[in-house]
Amino acid sequence: MKSGTIEFDGIEYPDGNSSDPNALKWMQGSPPPAAKRIRFEDDRYLEFPQIRWSLSHMRELMRRSPCGAVRVHRAISVLRLAPAKRGSMR
C-alpha cells in the first residue's frame, strides 16, 4: 500500500487527505477547468473521489425551477393538520 492510499477488498483508494476536494481543486475557478468540473448530467458526481464534493453541493448540481419552489410553498401553505382522534393511535 502506497502512502496517501487506503485499501478495501484489495483495491487501493486515495485516503482522506489525498481525496480532499479542495486539494484536488474540484469546481474551483470561474468557470472551472473541464477536467475539474462535476456535473449532474454526466454521472461523474457519483464517482470517487468526486462524490466527496457532490454530497456537500447536491443542491448546486440539480437544476431548480423558481415556479417549482412556488408550487411547493403554496401546497404547504394550504396544508391543514387535524388533531388525532382519541384512541386512534392504538
Protein backbone atom coordinates (compact mmCIF):
# COMPACT_ATOMS: atom_id res chain seq x y z
CA MET A 1 0.00 0.00 0.00
CA LYS A 2 1.37 3.38 -1.05
CA SER A 3 1.42 6.48 1.09
CA GLY A 4 -1.76 8.53 0.66
CA THR A 5 -3.90 5.47 -0.07
CA ILE A 6 -6.15 3.10 1.84
CA GLU A 7 -7.06 -0.44 0.81
CA PHE A 8 -10.51 -2.10 0.83
CA ASP A 9 -11.01 -5.62 -0.51
CA GLY A 10 -7.69 -5.49 -2.32
CA ILE A 11 -8.44 -2.19 -4.09
CA GLU A 12 -6.42 0.93 -3.30
CA TYR A 13 -8.25 4.24 -2.96
CA PRO A 14 -6.93 7.72 -2.14
CA ASP A 15 -7.09 8.35 1.60
CA GLY A 16 -8.95 11.27 3.21
CA ASN A 17 -6.19 13.81 2.66
CA SER A 18 -5.44 12.70 -0.90
CA SER A 19 -9.12 12.80 -1.91
CA ASP A 20 -9.88 16.18 -0.33
CA PRO A 21 -12.00 18.18 -2.84
CA ASN A 22 -10.09 21.38 -2.04
CA ALA A 23 -6.70 19.71 -2.56
CA LEU A 24 -7.94 18.24 -5.86
CA LYS A 25 -9.35 21.66 -6.86
CA TRP A 26 -12.78 20.32 -7.87
CA MET A 27 -15.08 23.07 -9.15
CA GLN A 28 -12.62 25.90 -8.49
CA GLY A 29 -12.28 28.86 -10.83
CA SER A 30 -14.82 30.57 -13.00
CA PRO A 31 -15.51 28.56 -14.99
CA PRO A 32 -13.75 25.51 -13.57
CA PRO A 33 -11.44 23.69 -16.00
CA ALA A 34 -13.30 20.92 -17.87
CA ALA A 35 -11.28 18.19 -16.12
CA LYS A 36 -12.25 19.60 -12.70
CA ARG A 37 -15.99 20.03 -13.34
CA ILE A 38 -18.54 17.88 -11.55
CA ARG A 39 -21.90 17.81 -13.30
CA PHE A 40 -25.20 16.11 -12.51
CA GLU A 41 -25.81 15.40 -16.21
CA ASP A 42 -22.88 13.02 -16.81
CA ASP A 43 -22.92 10.96 -13.58
CA ARG A 44 -19.32 11.84 -12.68
CA TYR A 45 -20.71 13.25 -9.46
CA LEU A 46 -21.22 9.67 -8.21
CA GLU A 47 -17.61 8.56 -8.78
CA PHE A 48 -14.99 8.57 -6.06
CA PRO A 49 -13.44 11.00 -5.17
CA GLN A 50 -15.87 13.44 -6.90
CA ILE A 51 -18.68 12.19 -4.66
CA ARG A 52 -16.99 13.83 -1.68
CA TRP A 53 -17.63 17.24 -3.27
CA SER A 54 -21.07 16.20 -4.62
CA LEU A 55 -22.56 15.23 -1.27
CA SER A 56 -21.85 18.69 0.11
CA HIS A 57 -23.12 20.51 -3.00
CA MET A 58 -26.11 18.43 -4.19
CA ARG A 59 -28.40 21.47 -4.41
CA GLU A 60 -25.92 23.17 -6.72
CA LEU A 61 -25.82 20.15 -9.04
CA MET A 62 -29.56 19.76 -9.56
CA ARG A 63 -31.49 22.21 -11.68
CA ARG A 64 -34.17 24.13 -9.89
CA SER A 65 -37.20 25.86 -11.20
CA PRO A 66 -38.42 29.02 -9.47
CA CYS A 67 -42.02 28.11 -10.26
CA GLY A 68 -41.49 24.67 -8.69
CA ALA A 69 -40.45 26.31 -5.44
CA VAL A 70 -43.58 28.48 -5.51
CA ARG A 71 -45.77 25.44 -6.10
CA VAL A 72 -44.30 23.63 -3.10
CA HIS A 73 -44.69 26.73 -0.92
CA ARG A 74 -48.35 27.09 -1.93
CA ALA A 75 -49.01 23.40 -1.27
CA ILE A 76 -47.52 23.66 2.21
CA SER A 77 -49.41 26.87 3.00
CA VAL A 78 -52.80 25.22 2.35
CA LEU A 79 -51.94 22.08 4.31
CA ARG A 80 -54.07 21.74 7.42
CA LEU A 81 -53.37 19.30 10.21
CA ALA A 82 -56.25 17.84 12.16
CA PRO A 83 -55.86 16.73 15.76
CA ALA A 84 -55.72 12.97 16.20
CA LYS A 85 -58.90 11.36 17.48
CA ARG A 86 -58.70 9.98 20.95
CA GLY A 87 -57.79 6.30 20.83
CA SER A 88 -56.79 6.33 17.14
CA MET A 89 -53.13 5.65 17.92
CA ARG A 90 -53.76 2.15 19.30
